[in-house]
Amino acid sequence: MPNIKTATPRRNKHFILDQVQLTKAKNILGAKTETETIDRALEIVISETTKNRVAWEAHNDFIQAGMRDGLVLEDVFGHLDKE
């Protein structure tokens, strides 16, 4: 049965999973089935990765704009490139 949300084809997969972890994730996510649990967990991973990428891009744009405008930024964590 196709996933209504994404309309992408679904395929039968076979995994060996830790049942305790799967049950905990199912409860945390409020999923009704183990398949729904895995679907929701995958959606979260994909979503969080996208959010992190966008946040880092915004961070880097902010740093570059500050340097371009002659602002002095204090690198308290020592993560900025030395130029």
C-alpha atoms as a PDB file:
ATOM      1  CA  MET A   1       0.000   0.000   0.000  1.00  0.00           C
ATOM      2  CA  PRO A   2       1.520   3.399  -0.973  1.00  0.00           C
ATOM      3  CA  ASN A   3       2.292   5.951   1.714  1.00  0.00           C
ATOM      4  CA  ILE A   4      -0.458   8.558   1.329  1.00  0.00           C
ATOM      5  CA  LYS A   5       1.728  11.328   2.747  1.00  0.00           C
ATOM      6  CA  THR A   6       4.570  10.965   0.221  1.00  0.00           C
ATOM      7  CA  ALA A   7       2.976   8.813  -2.497  1.00  0.00           C
ATOM      8  CA  THR A   8       6.282   6.978  -2.892  1.00  0.00           C
ATOM      9  CA  PRO A   9       6.379   3.237  -3.373  1.00  0.00           C
ATOM     10  CA  ARG A  10       6.809   1.171  -0.247  1.00  0.00           C
ATOM     11  CA  ARG A  11       8.919  -1.952  -0.135  1.00  0.00           C
ATOM     12  CA  ASN A  12       9.037  -4.835   2.229  1.00  0.00           C
ATOM     13  CA  LYS A  13      12.288  -4.795   4.254  1.00  0.00           C
ATOM     14  CA  HIS A  14      13.576  -7.198   6.854  1.00  0.00           C
ATOM     15  CA  PHE A  15      15.602  -5.891   9.793  1.00  0.00           C
ATOM     16  CA  ILE A  16      16.933  -7.308  13.013  1.00  0.00           C
ATOM     17  CA  LEU A  17      16.103  -4.641  15.594  1.00  0.00           C
ATOM     18  CA  ASP A  18      16.387  -4.276  19.345  1.00  0.00           C
ATOM     19  CA  GLN A  19      12.818  -4.889  20.532  1.00  0.00           C
ATOM     20  CA  VAL A  20      13.262  -2.821  23.703  1.00  0.00           C
ATOM     21  CA  GLN A  21      14.438   0.202  21.683  1.00  0.00           C
ATOM     22  CA  LEU A  22      11.637  -0.234  19.177  1.00  0.00           C
ATOM     23  CA  THR A  23       9.015  -0.430  21.926  1.00  0.00           C
ATOM     24  CA  LYS A  24      10.444   2.654  23.679  1.00  0.00           C
ATOM     25  CA  ALA A  25      10.456   4.604  20.396  1.00  0.00           C
ATOM     26  CA  LYS A  26       6.913   3.455  19.645  1.00  0.00           C
ATOM     27  CA  ASN A  27       5.719   4.763  23.017  1.00  0.00           C
ATOM     28  CA  ILE A  28       7.636   8.034  22.723  1.00  0.00           C
ATOM     29  CA  LEU A  29       6.328   8.703  19.219  1.00  0.00           C
ATOM     30  CA  GLY A  30       2.795   7.596  20.017  1.00  0.00           C
ATOM     31  CA  ALA A  31       2.823   5.244  17.055  1.00  0.00           C
ATOM     32  CA  LYS A  32       0.290   2.457  16.694  1.00  0.00           C
ATOM     33  CA  THR A  33       2.528   0.019  14.825  1.00  0.00           C
ATOM     34  CA  GLU A  34       6.209  -0.749  14.529  1.00  0.00           C
ATOM     35  CA  THR A  35       6.137   0.327  10.885  1.00  0.00           C
ATOM     36  CA  GLU A  36       4.631   3.670  11.877  1.00  0.00           C
ATOM     37  CA  THR A  37       7.347   3.989  14.529  1.00  0.00           C
ATOM     38  CA  ILE A  38      10.109   3.559  11.980  1.00  0.00           C
ATOM     39  CA  ASP A  39       8.376   5.893   9.499  1.00  0.00           C
ATOM     40  CA  ARG A  40       8.062   8.620  12.133  1.00  0.00           C
ATOM     41  CA  ALA A  41      11.652   8.172  13.299  1.00  0.00           C
ATOM     42  CA  LEU A  42      12.911   8.460   9.713  1.00  0.00           C
ATOM     43  CA  GLU A  43      10.819  11.599   9.170  1.00  0.00           C
ATOM     44  CA  ILE A  44      12.346  13.138  12.314  1.00  0.00           C
ATOM     45  CA  VAL A  45      15.906  12.334  11.200  1.00  0.00           C
ATOM     46  CA  ILE A  46      15.311  13.820   7.751  1.00  0.00           C
ATOM     47  CA  SER A  47      13.582  16.903   9.158  1.00  0.00           C
ATOM     48  CA  GLU A  48      16.232  17.554  11.810  1.00  0.00           C
ATOM     49  CA  THR A  49      19.035  17.167   9.275  1.00  0.00           C
ATOM     50  CA  THR A  50      17.369  19.749   7.041  1.00  0.00           C
ATOM     51  CA  LYS A  51      16.850  22.141   9.972  1.00  0.00           C
ATOM     52  CA  ASN A  52      20.487  21.754  11.044  1.00  0.00           C
ATOM     53  CA  ARG A  53      21.748  22.429   7.512  1.00  0.00           C
ATOM     54  CA  VAL A  54      19.623  25.576   7.224  1.00  0.00           C
ATOM     55  CA  ALA A  55      20.733  26.780  10.666  1.00  0.00           C
ATOM     56  CA  TRP A  56      24.436  26.282   9.840  1.00  0.00           C
ATOM     57  CA  GLU A  57      24.006  28.092   6.528  1.00  0.00           C
ATOM     58  CA  ALA A  58      22.360  31.027   8.352  1.00  0.00           C
ATOM     59  CA  HIS A  59      25.133  30.984  10.970  1.00  0.00           C
ATOM     60  CA  ASN A  60      27.835  31.047   8.323  1.00  0.00           C
ATOM     61  CA  ASP A  61      26.049  33.831   6.419  1.00  0.00           C
ATOM     62  CA  PHE A  62      25.848  35.854   9.651  1.00  0.00           C
ATOM     63  CA  ILE A  63      29.575  35.398  10.336  1.00  0.00           C
ATOM     64  CA  GLN A  64      30.533  36.303   6.775  1.00  0.00           C
ATOM     65  CA  ALA A  65      28.275  39.375   6.797  1.00  0.00           C
ATOM     66  CA  GLY A  66      29.814  40.522  10.065  1.00  0.00           C
ATOM     67  CA  MET A  67      33.344  40.118   8.741  1.00  0.00           C
ATOM     68  CA  ARG A  68      32.426  41.835   5.459  1.00  0.00           C
ATOM     69  CA  ASP A  69      30.931  44.799   7.329  1.00  0.00           C
ATOM     70  CA  GLY A  70      34.028  45.160   9.509  1.00  0.00           C
ATOM     71  CA  LEU A  71      32.339  44.051  12.713  1.00  0.00           C
ATOM     72  CA  VAL A  72      34.557  42.538  15.366  1.00  0.00           C
ATOM     73  CA  LEU A  73      33.222  39.151  16.426  1.00  0.00           C
ATOM     74  CA  GLU A  74      34.699  37.497  19.463  1.00  0.00           C
ATOM     75  CA  ASP A  75      35.291  33.809  18.818  1.00  0.00           C
ATOM     76  CA  VAL A  76      34.738  32.592  22.377  1.00  0.00           C
ATOM     77  CA  PHE A  77      34.705  28.934  21.326  1.00  0.00           C
ATOM     78  CA  GLY A  78      37.644  29.122  18.907  1.00  0.00           C
ATOM     79  CA  HIS A  79      35.680  27.854  15.899  1.00  0.00           C
ATOM     80  CA  LEU A  80      36.112  30.665  13.395  1.00  0.00           C
ATOM     81  CA  ASP A  81      38.724  30.353  10.685  1.00  0.00           C
ATOM     82  CA  LYS A  82      41.781  32.493  11.214  1.00  0.00           C
ATOM     83  CA  GLU A  83      42.266  34.817   8.226  1.00  0.00           C
END
